[in-house]
Amino acid sequence: MAETRQLNITPEEAEAGKTMAILAYFVFFVPLIVEEAKKNKFAMYHTEQAIVLLIFNLIVNIIGVVTCGFGYILFIAVIVYYIIGIINAVKGEAKPLPLIGQYGEKFNLVK
């Protein structure tokens, strides 16, 4: 079983980074260019998750094109993942997305 990293995100930090965390799921690069957001562990955690989700979305779209539309059934999973990520951000939780979220820490944005 993979080891999970300890983020030590305080409730105050989560509250301060909520807006950028939510925004990351819509436009992932905005928190990467806003200096205050780059210092917020909560915002960067959700930015990592949003990047992983974007990569997953691209893979699903490629599968959809290659299989003449069959892969687009997986697109429902992408939508569900976006909803889960946004709900986690709104609730102030730093939980990885099911199955794919564990790869977010590879980006090492949380300092």
C-alpha atoms as a PDB file:
ATOM      1  CA  MET A   1       0.000   0.000   0.000  1.00  0.00           C
ATOM      2  CA  ALA A   2       1.304   3.446  -0.898  1.00  0.00           C
ATOM      3  CA  GLU A   3       2.300   5.844   1.829  1.00  0.00           C
ATOM      4  CA  THR A   4       0.287   9.029   2.031  1.00  0.00           C
ATOM      5  CA  ARG A   5       1.965  12.314   2.765  1.00  0.00           C
ATOM      6  CA  GLN A   6       1.094  14.466   5.752  1.00  0.00           C
ATOM      7  CA  LEU A   7      -0.047  17.898   4.624  1.00  0.00           C
ATOM      8  CA  ASN A   8      -0.746  19.557   7.992  1.00  0.00           C
ATOM      9  CA  ILE A   9      -3.266  22.007   6.547  1.00  0.00           C
ATOM     10  CA  THR A  10      -4.865  24.128   9.256  1.00  0.00           C
ATOM     11  CA  PRO A  11      -8.579  24.995   9.098  1.00  0.00           C
ATOM     12  CA  GLU A  12      -7.602  28.657   8.713  1.00  0.00           C
ATOM     13  CA  GLU A  13      -5.364  27.858   5.750  1.00  0.00           C
ATOM     14  CA  ALA A  14      -8.128  25.767   4.168  1.00  0.00           C
ATOM     15  CA  GLU A  15     -10.599  28.602   4.593  1.00  0.00           C
ATOM     16  CA  ALA A  16      -8.158  31.133   3.097  1.00  0.00           C
ATOM     17  CA  GLY A  17      -7.428  28.906   0.091  1.00  0.00           C
ATOM     18  CA  LYS A  18     -10.972  27.750  -0.655  1.00  0.00           C
ATOM     19  CA  THR A  19     -11.650  30.155  -3.501  1.00  0.00           C
ATOM     20  CA  MET A  20      -8.438  29.289  -5.334  1.00  0.00           C
ATOM     21  CA  ALA A  21      -8.982  25.580  -4.643  1.00  0.00           C
ATOM     22  CA  ILE A  22     -12.417  25.711  -6.272  1.00  0.00           C
ATOM     23  CA  LEU A  23     -11.115  27.855  -9.136  1.00  0.00           C
ATOM     24  CA  ALA A  24      -8.365  25.289  -9.817  1.00  0.00           C
ATOM     25  CA  TYR A  25     -10.965  22.785 -11.025  1.00  0.00           C
ATOM     26  CA  PHE A  26     -12.170  25.267 -13.644  1.00  0.00           C
ATOM     27  CA  VAL A  27      -8.871  26.919 -14.654  1.00  0.00           C
ATOM     28  CA  PHE A  28      -6.017  24.950 -13.093  1.00  0.00           C
ATOM     29  CA  PHE A  29      -3.234  27.435 -13.846  1.00  0.00           C
ATOM     30  CA  VAL A  30      -4.733  30.452 -12.027  1.00  0.00           C
ATOM     31  CA  PRO A  31      -3.556  29.309  -8.571  1.00  0.00           C
ATOM     32  CA  LEU A  32      -0.126  28.675 -10.099  1.00  0.00           C
ATOM     33  CA  ILE A  33       0.282  32.329 -11.098  1.00  0.00           C
ATOM     34  CA  VAL A  34      -1.263  34.016  -8.046  1.00  0.00           C
ATOM     35  CA  GLU A  35       1.526  34.477  -5.515  1.00  0.00           C
ATOM     36  CA  GLU A  36      -0.680  34.192  -2.416  1.00  0.00           C
ATOM     37  CA  ALA A  37      -2.260  30.975  -3.693  1.00  0.00           C
ATOM     38  CA  LYS A  38       1.163  29.429  -4.388  1.00  0.00           C
ATOM     39  CA  LYS A  39       1.929  29.751  -0.664  1.00  0.00           C
ATOM     40  CA  ASN A  40      -1.357  28.117   0.403  1.00  0.00           C
ATOM     41  CA  LYS A  41      -1.073  24.339   0.863  1.00  0.00           C
ATOM     42  CA  PHE A  42      -4.819  23.800   0.494  1.00  0.00           C
ATOM     43  CA  ALA A  43      -5.031  25.668  -2.818  1.00  0.00           C
ATOM     44  CA  MET A  44      -1.956  23.875  -4.168  1.00  0.00           C
ATOM     45  CA  TYR A  45      -3.286  20.479  -3.077  1.00  0.00           C
ATOM     46  CA  HIS A  46      -6.467  21.012  -5.083  1.00  0.00           C
ATOM     47  CA  THR A  47      -4.425  22.392  -7.980  1.00  0.00           C
ATOM     48  CA  GLU A  48      -2.535  19.076  -8.023  1.00  0.00           C
ATOM     49  CA  GLN A  49      -5.819  17.197  -8.056  1.00  0.00           C
ATOM     50  CA  ALA A  50      -7.140  19.427 -10.868  1.00  0.00           C
ATOM     51  CA  ILE A  51      -4.040  18.769 -12.995  1.00  0.00           C
ATOM     52  CA  VAL A  52      -4.399  15.009 -12.534  1.00  0.00           C
ATOM     53  CA  LEU A  53      -8.058  15.313 -13.442  1.00  0.00           C
ATOM     54  CA  LEU A  54      -7.186  17.317 -16.566  1.00  0.00           C
ATOM     55  CA  ILE A  55      -4.732  14.603 -17.656  1.00  0.00           C
ATOM     56  CA  PHE A  56      -7.391  11.938 -17.005  1.00  0.00           C
ATOM     57  CA  ASN A  57      -9.873  13.985 -19.029  1.00  0.00           C
ATOM     58  CA  LEU A  58      -7.433  14.173 -21.956  1.00  0.00           C
ATOM     59  CA  ILE A  59      -6.863  10.404 -21.834  1.00  0.00           C
ATOM     60  CA  VAL A  60     -10.620   9.777 -21.788  1.00  0.00           C
ATOM     61  CA  ASN A  61     -11.058  12.066 -24.802  1.00  0.00           C
ATOM     62  CA  ILE A  62      -8.282  10.303 -26.720  1.00  0.00           C
ATOM     63  CA  ILE A  63      -9.889   6.937 -25.940  1.00  0.00           C
ATOM     64  CA  GLY A  64     -13.198   8.367 -27.135  1.00  0.00           C
ATOM     65  CA  VAL A  65     -11.719   9.430 -30.460  1.00  0.00           C
ATOM     66  CA  VAL A  66      -9.771   6.210 -31.018  1.00  0.00           C
ATOM     67  CA  THR A  67     -12.752   3.986 -30.197  1.00  0.00           C
ATOM     68  CA  CYS A  68     -15.197   6.083 -32.245  1.00  0.00           C
ATOM     69  CA  GLY A  69     -17.129   7.297 -29.233  1.00  0.00           C
ATOM     70  CA  PHE A  70     -17.118   4.289 -26.920  1.00  0.00           C
ATOM     71  CA  GLY A  71     -14.664   5.949 -24.520  1.00  0.00           C
ATOM     72  CA  TYR A  72     -17.017   8.841 -24.004  1.00  0.00           C
ATOM     73  CA  ILE A  73     -18.923   6.667 -21.563  1.00  0.00           C
ATOM     74  CA  LEU A  74     -15.906   7.267 -19.312  1.00  0.00           C
ATOM     75  CA  PHE A  75     -16.579  10.975 -19.585  1.00  0.00           C
ATOM     76  CA  ILE A  76     -19.304  10.502 -16.977  1.00  0.00           C
ATOM     77  CA  ALA A  77     -16.521   9.527 -14.546  1.00  0.00           C
ATOM     78  CA  VAL A  78     -14.670  12.734 -15.394  1.00  0.00           C
ATOM     79  CA  ILE A  79     -17.742  14.818 -14.575  1.00  0.00           C
ATOM     80  CA  VAL A  80     -18.238  12.927 -11.306  1.00  0.00           C
ATOM     81  CA  TYR A  81     -14.572  13.504 -10.396  1.00  0.00           C
ATOM     82  CA  TYR A  82     -14.906  17.240 -11.030  1.00  0.00           C
ATOM     83  CA  ILE A  83     -17.968  17.330  -8.766  1.00  0.00           C
ATOM     84  CA  ILE A  84     -16.167  15.351  -6.034  1.00  0.00           C
ATOM     85  CA  GLY A  85     -13.136  17.652  -6.222  1.00  0.00           C
ATOM     86  CA  ILE A  86     -15.210  20.817  -6.024  1.00  0.00           C
ATOM     87  CA  ILE A  87     -17.270  19.449  -3.121  1.00  0.00           C
ATOM     88  CA  ASN A  88     -14.064  18.530  -1.247  1.00  0.00           C
ATOM     89  CA  ALA A  89     -12.720  22.052  -1.815  1.00  0.00           C
ATOM     90  CA  VAL A  90     -15.966  23.682  -0.655  1.00  0.00           C
ATOM     91  CA  LYS A  91     -16.003  21.514   2.484  1.00  0.00           C
ATOM     92  CA  GLY A  92     -12.366  22.392   3.234  1.00  0.00           C
ATOM     93  CA  GLU A  93     -11.176  18.787   2.857  1.00  0.00           C
ATOM     94  CA  ALA A  94      -7.880  17.691   1.302  1.00  0.00           C
ATOM     95  CA  LYS A  95      -8.926  14.213   0.168  1.00  0.00           C
ATOM     96  CA  PRO A  96      -7.541  12.653  -3.000  1.00  0.00           C
ATOM     97  CA  LEU A  97      -9.895  11.842  -5.851  1.00  0.00           C
ATOM     98  CA  PRO A  98     -10.750   8.129  -6.026  1.00  0.00           C
ATOM     99  CA  LEU A  99      -8.299   6.034  -8.094  1.00  0.00           C
ATOM    100  CA  ILE A 100      -6.483   8.959  -9.750  1.00  0.00           C
ATOM    101  CA  GLY A 101      -5.924  11.448  -6.923  1.00  0.00           C
ATOM    102  CA  GLN A 102      -2.885   9.643  -5.559  1.00  0.00           C
ATOM    103  CA  TYR A 103      -0.886  10.752  -8.595  1.00  0.00           C
ATOM    104  CA  GLY A 104      -1.332  14.428  -7.703  1.00  0.00           C
ATOM    105  CA  GLU A 105       1.524  14.428  -5.223  1.00  0.00           C
ATOM    106  CA  LYS A 106       3.907  13.630  -8.099  1.00  0.00           C
ATOM    107  CA  PHE A 107       3.595  17.307  -9.104  1.00  0.00           C
ATOM    108  CA  ASN A 108       4.923  18.318  -5.659  1.00  0.00           C
ATOM    109  CA  LEU A 109       3.138  21.680  -5.592  1.00  0.00           C
ATOM    110  CA  VAL A 110       2.369  21.565  -1.858  1.00  0.00           C
ATOM    111  CA  LYS A 111       5.344  23.096  -0.080  1.00  0.00           C
END
